[in-house]
PDB file of N, CA and C in Angstrom:
ATOM      1  N   MET A   1     -43.843  46.711  52.310  1.00  0.00           N
ATOM      2  CA  MET A   1     -42.411  46.773  52.356  1.00  0.00           C
ATOM      3  C   MET A   1     -41.797  46.421  50.993  1.00  0.00           C
ATOM      4  N   TYR A   2     -42.313  45.406  50.337  1.00  0.00           N
ATOM      5  CA  TYR A   2     -41.738  44.959  49.061  1.00  0.00           C
ATOM      6  C   TYR A   2     -41.715  46.073  48.029  1.00  0.00           C
ATOM      7  N   GLU A   3     -42.737  46.898  48.019  1.00  0.00           N
ATOM      8  CA  GLU A   3     -42.835  47.960  47.026  1.00  0.00           C
ATOM      9  C   GLU A   3     -42.031  49.203  47.406  1.00  0.00           C
ATOM     10  N   ASN A   4     -41.392  49.193  48.570  1.00  0.00           N
ATOM     11  CA  ASN A   4     -40.572  50.309  49.010  1.00  0.00           C
ATOM     12  C   ASN A   4     -39.463  50.576  47.996  1.00  0.00           C
ATOM     13  N   LYS A   5     -39.211  51.838  47.709  1.00  0.00           N
ATOM     14  CA  LYS A   5     -38.226  52.229  46.700  1.00  0.00           C
ATOM     15  C   LYS A   5     -36.835  51.671  47.017  1.00  0.00           C
ATOM     16  N   ILE A   6     -36.440  51.680  48.273  1.00  0.00           N
ATOM     17  CA  ILE A   6     -35.123  51.179  48.665  1.00  0.00           C
ATOM     18  C   ILE A   6     -35.030  49.671  48.425  1.00  0.00           C
ATOM     19  N   VAL A   7     -36.070  48.948  48.792  1.00  0.00           N
ATOM     20  CA  VAL A   7     -36.099  47.498  48.567  1.00  0.00           C
ATOM     21  C   VAL A   7     -36.011  47.210  47.079  1.00  0.00           C
ATOM     22  N   GLN A   8     -36.764  47.921  46.274  1.00  0.00           N
ATOM     23  CA  GLN A   8     -36.747  47.707  44.831  1.00  0.00           C
ATOM     24  C   GLN A   8     -35.375  48.024  44.226  1.00  0.00           C
ATOM     25  N   ASN A   9     -34.729  49.086  44.708  1.00  0.00           N
ATOM     26  CA  ASN A   9     -33.379  49.413  44.232  1.00  0.00           C
ATOM     27  C   ASN A   9     -32.400  48.293  44.571  1.00  0.00           C
ATOM     28  N   ASN A  10     -32.497  47.765  45.777  1.00  0.00           N
ATOM     29  CA  ASN A  10     -31.604  46.682  46.188  1.00  0.00           C
ATOM     30  C   ASN A  10     -31.849  45.415  45.371  1.00  0.00           C
ATOM     31  N   ILE A  11     -33.108  45.122  45.078  1.00  0.00           N
ATOM     32  CA  ILE A  11     -33.435  43.952  44.253  1.00  0.00           C
ATOM     33  C   ILE A  11     -32.827  44.122  42.857  1.00  0.00           C
ATOM     34  N   GLU A  12     -32.949  45.304  42.289  1.00  0.00           N
ATOM     35  CA  GLU A  12     -32.383  45.554  40.962  1.00  0.00           C
ATOM     36  C   GLU A  12     -30.869  45.396  40.962  1.00  0.00           C
ATOM     37  N   LYS A  13     -30.212  45.859  42.017  1.00  0.00           N
ATOM     38  CA  LYS A  13     -28.754  45.687  42.128  1.00  0.00           C
ATOM     39  C   LYS A  13     -28.388  44.213  42.161  1.00  0.00           C
ATOM     40  N   LEU A  14     -29.102  43.445  42.969  1.00  0.00           N
ATOM     41  CA  LEU A  14     -28.819  42.012  43.072  1.00  0.00           C
ATOM     42  C   LEU A  14     -29.084  41.293  41.750  1.00  0.00           C
ATOM     43  N   LYS A  15     -30.145  41.674  41.055  1.00  0.00           N
ATOM     44  CA  LYS A  15     -30.430  41.078  39.737  1.00  0.00           C
ATOM     45  C   LYS A  15     -29.304  41.375  38.759  1.00  0.00           C
ATOM     46  N   ALA A  16     -28.723  42.580  38.860  1.00  0.00           N
ATOM     47  CA  ALA A  16     -27.613  42.960  37.977  1.00  0.00           C
ATOM     48  C   ALA A  16     -26.390  42.076  38.231  1.00  0.00           C
ATOM     49  N   TYR A  17     -26.273  41.546  39.435  1.00  0.00           N
ATOM     50  CA  TYR A  17     -25.180  40.632  39.771  1.00  0.00           C
ATOM     51  C   TYR A  17     -25.517  39.186  39.413  1.00  0.00           C
ATOM     52  N   GLY A  18     -26.714  38.956  38.893  1.00  0.00           N
ATOM     53  CA  GLY A  18     -27.090  37.617  38.458  1.00  0.00           C
ATOM     54  C   GLY A  18     -27.963  36.830  39.421  1.00  0.00           C
ATOM     55  N   TYR A  19     -28.345  37.447  40.533  1.00  0.00           N
ATOM     56  CA  TYR A  19     -29.238  36.756  41.462  1.00  0.00           C
ATOM     57  C   TYR A  19     -30.626  36.652  40.859  1.00  0.00           C
ATOM     58  N   GLU A  20     -31.304  35.563  41.153  1.00  0.00           N
ATOM     59  CA  GLU A  20     -32.667  35.357  40.659  1.00  0.00           C
ATOM     60  C   GLU A  20     -33.653  35.533  41.804  1.00  0.00           C
ATOM     61  N   PHE A  21     -34.838  35.983  41.456  1.00  0.00           N
ATOM     62  CA  PHE A  21     -35.871  36.211  42.456  1.00  0.00           C
ATOM     63  C   PHE A  21     -37.166  35.537  42.032  1.00  0.00           C
ATOM     64  N   ILE A  22     -37.855  35.008  42.990  1.00  0.00           N
ATOM     65  CA  ILE A  22     -39.212  34.517  42.781  1.00  0.00           C
ATOM     66  C   ILE A  22     -40.106  35.669  43.224  1.00  0.00           C
ATOM     67  N   GLU A  23     -40.892  36.171  42.314  1.00  0.00           N
ATOM     68  CA  GLU A  23     -41.733  37.319  42.637  1.00  0.00           C
ATOM     69  C   GLU A  23     -42.753  36.949  43.723  1.00  0.00           C
ATOM     70  N   PRO A  24     -43.035  37.875  44.617  1.00  0.00           N
ATOM     71  CA  PRO A  24     -44.019  37.602  45.669  1.00  0.00           C
ATOM     72  C   PRO A  24     -45.428  37.571  45.100  1.00  0.00           C
ATOM     73  N   GLN A  25     -46.316  37.013  45.888  1.00  0.00           N
ATOM     74  CA  GLN A  25     -47.715  36.969  45.486  1.00  0.00           C
ATOM     75  C   GLN A  25     -48.468  38.139  46.083  1.00  0.00           C
ATOM     76  N   ILE A  26     -49.665  38.328  45.608  1.00  0.00           N
ATOM     77  CA  ILE A  26     -50.548  39.370  46.125  1.00  0.00           C
ATOM     78  C   ILE A  26     -51.616  38.683  46.954  1.00  0.00           C
ATOM     79  N   GLY A  27     -51.900  39.231  48.128  1.00  0.00           N
ATOM     80  CA  GLY A  27     -52.938  38.640  48.962  1.00  0.00           C
ATOM     81  C   GLY A  27     -52.933  39.242  50.344  1.00  0.00           C
ATOM     82  N   THR A  28     -53.687  38.641  51.232  1.00  0.00           N
ATOM     83  CA  THR A  28     -53.783  39.118  52.600  1.00  0.00           C
ATOM     84  C   THR A  28     -52.445  38.909  53.297  1.00  0.00           C
ATOM     85  N   MET A  29     -51.961  39.956  53.922  1.00  0.00           N
ATOM     86  CA  MET A  29     -50.679  39.907  54.612  1.00  0.00           C
ATOM     87  C   MET A  29     -50.897  39.545  56.082  1.00  0.00           C
ATOM     88  N   ALA A  30     -49.883  38.947  56.688  1.00  0.00           N
ATOM     89  CA  ALA A  30     -49.968  38.545  58.087  1.00  0.00           C
ATOM     90  C   ALA A  30     -50.017  39.757  59.011  1.00  0.00           C
ATOM     91  N   ILE A  31     -49.285  40.804  58.661  1.00  0.00           N
ATOM     92  CA  ILE A  31     -49.223  41.991  59.503  1.00  0.00           C
ATOM     93  C   ILE A  31     -50.323  42.963  59.112  1.00  0.00           C
ATOM     94  N   LYS A  32     -51.060  43.420  60.084  1.00  0.00           N
ATOM     95  CA  LYS A  32     -52.124  44.414  59.917  1.00  0.00           C
ATOM     96  C   LYS A  32     -53.274  43.930  59.049  1.00  0.00           C
ATOM     97  N   GLY A  33     -53.246  42.702  58.578  1.00  0.00           N
ATOM     98  CA  GLY A  33     -54.335  42.182  57.770  1.00  0.00           C
ATOM     99  C   GLY A  33     -54.521  42.921  56.464  1.00  0.00           C
ATOM    100  N   GLU A  34     -53.457  43.532  55.965  1.00  0.00           N
ATOM    101  CA  GLU A  34     -53.563  44.250  54.691  1.00  0.00           C
ATOM    102  C   GLU A  34     -53.980  43.292  53.591  1.00  0.00           C
ATOM    103  N   LYS A  35     -54.853  43.757  52.733  1.00  0.00           N
ATOM    104  CA  LYS A  35     -55.314  42.920  51.629  1.00  0.00           C
ATOM    105  C   LYS A  35     -54.872  43.527  50.313  1.00  0.00           C
ATOM    106  N   GLY A  36     -54.488  42.647  49.393  1.00  0.00           N
ATOM    107  CA  GLY A  36     -54.116  43.102  48.067  1.00  0.00           C
ATOM    108  C   GLY A  36     -52.713  43.660  47.972  1.00  0.00           C
ATOM    109  N   ALA A  37     -51.952  43.528  49.048  1.00  0.00           N
ATOM    110  CA  ALA A  37     -50.586  44.049  49.036  1.00  0.00           C
ATOM    111  C   ALA A  37     -49.644  43.043  48.392  1.00  0.00           C
ATOM    112  N   VAL A  38     -48.620  43.546  47.718  1.00  0.00           N
ATOM    113  CA  VAL A  38     -47.598  42.696  47.113  1.00  0.00           C
ATOM    114  C   VAL A  38     -46.575  42.388  48.193  1.00  0.00           C
ATOM    115  N   GLY A  39     -46.161  41.146  48.283  1.00  0.00           N
ATOM    116  CA  GLY A  39     -45.129  40.790  49.246  1.00  0.00           C
ATOM    117  C   GLY A  39     -45.374  39.476  49.942  1.00  0.00           C
ATOM    118  N   ARG A  40     -46.465  38.841  49.641  1.00  0.00           N
ATOM    119  CA  ARG A  40     -46.792  37.565  50.276  1.00  0.00           C
ATOM    120  C   ARG A  40     -45.871  36.466  49.746  1.00  0.00           C
ATOM    121  N   LEU A  41     -45.385  35.618  50.646  1.00  0.00           N
ATOM    122  CA  LEU A  41     -44.525  34.501  50.272  1.00  0.00           C
ATOM    123  C   LEU A  41     -45.264  33.591  49.292  1.00  0.00           C
ATOM    124  N   PRO A  42     -44.626  33.226  48.186  1.00  0.00           N
ATOM    125  CA  PRO A  42     -45.274  32.314  47.234  1.00  0.00           C
ATOM    126  C   PRO A  42     -45.581  30.956  47.880  1.00  0.00           C
ATOM    127  N   LYS A  43     -46.556  30.279  47.333  1.00  0.00           N
ATOM    128  CA  LYS A  43     -46.898  28.950  47.831  1.00  0.00           C
ATOM    129  C   LYS A  43     -45.700  28.024  47.647  1.00  0.00           C
ATOM    130  N   PRO A  44     -45.495  27.089  48.582  1.00  0.00           N
ATOM    131  CA  PRO A  44     -44.349  26.185  48.493  1.00  0.00           C
ATOM    132  C   PRO A  44     -44.229  25.474  47.142  1.00  0.00           C
ATOM    133  N   GLN A  45     -45.335  25.068  46.554  1.00  0.00           N
ATOM    134  CA  GLN A  45     -45.268  24.371  45.270  1.00  0.00           C
ATOM    135  C   GLN A  45     -44.764  25.297  44.170  1.00  0.00           C
ATOM    136  N   ASN A  46     -45.111  26.577  44.240  1.00  0.00           N
ATOM    137  CA  ASN A  46     -44.602  27.540  43.256  1.00  0.00           C
ATOM    138  C   ASN A  46     -43.087  27.685  43.384  1.00  0.00           C
ATOM    139  N   ILE A  47     -42.580  27.674  44.610  1.00  0.00           N
ATOM    140  CA  ILE A  47     -41.141  27.776  44.838  1.00  0.00           C
ATOM    141  C   ILE A  47     -40.439  26.533  44.284  1.00  0.00           C
ATOM    142  N   VAL A  48     -40.995  25.358  44.573  1.00  0.00           N
ATOM    143  CA  VAL A  48     -40.414  24.105  44.075  1.00  0.00           C
ATOM    144  C   VAL A  48     -40.408  24.104  42.552  1.00  0.00           C
ATOM    145  N   ASN A  49     -41.517  24.475  41.925  1.00  0.00           N
ATOM    146  CA  ASN A  49     -41.593  24.505  40.458  1.00  0.00           C
ATOM    147  C   ASN A  49     -40.566  25.460  39.876  1.00  0.00           C
ATOM    148  N   TYR A  50     -40.378  26.596  40.502  1.00  0.00           N
ATOM    149  CA  TYR A  50     -39.391  27.569  40.029  1.00  0.00           C
ATOM    150  C   TYR A  50     -37.997  26.957  40.055  1.00  0.00           C
ATOM    151  N   ILE A  51     -37.652  26.332  41.168  1.00  0.00           N
ATOM    152  CA  ILE A  51     -36.334  25.724  41.332  1.00  0.00           C
ATOM    153  C   ILE A  51     -36.123  24.601  40.314  1.00  0.00           C
ATOM    154  N   LEU A  52     -37.138  23.795  40.115  1.00  0.00           N
ATOM    155  CA  LEU A  52     -37.006  22.663  39.187  1.00  0.00           C
ATOM    156  C   LEU A  52     -36.832  23.114  37.731  1.00  0.00           C
ATOM    157  N   ASN A  53     -37.253  24.336  37.435  1.00  0.00           N
ATOM    158  CA  ASN A  53     -37.160  24.835  36.064  1.00  0.00           C
ATOM    159  C   ASN A  53     -35.962  25.730  35.815  1.00  0.00           C
ATOM    160  N   ILE A  54     -35.065  25.858  36.792  1.00  0.00           N
ATOM    161  CA  ILE A  54     -33.867  26.674  36.599  1.00  0.00           C
ATOM    162  C   ILE A  54     -32.916  25.955  35.651  1.00  0.00           C
ATOM    163  N   ASP A  55     -32.403  26.702  34.688  1.00  0.00           N
ATOM    164  CA  ASP A  55     -31.420  26.146  33.742  1.00  0.00           C
ATOM    165  C   ASP A  55     -30.034  26.521  34.261  1.00  0.00           C
ATOM    166  N   PHE A  56     -29.305  25.528  34.740  1.00  0.00           N
ATOM    167  CA  PHE A  56     -28.003  25.765  35.326  1.00  0.00           C
ATOM    168  C   PHE A  56     -26.874  25.796  34.304  1.00  0.00           C
ATOM    169  N   ASN A  57     -27.190  25.745  33.025  1.00  0.00           N
ATOM    170  CA  ASN A  57     -26.145  25.761  31.984  1.00  0.00           C
ATOM    171  C   ASN A  57     -25.771  27.149  31.597  1.00  0.00           C
TER     172      ASN A  57
END
């Protein structure tokens, strides 16, 4: 789903408005057991590290 053209277009639009995204990870997906697909939720520590490094200035 993440690599879907419509999803990617919407992400680009949101980025143009200044929204930030944490890129998904690659790995085994919960649905259908797909392996190597992009779209897996990042590990919680990666999300925390991303947030802690945001420059709000």
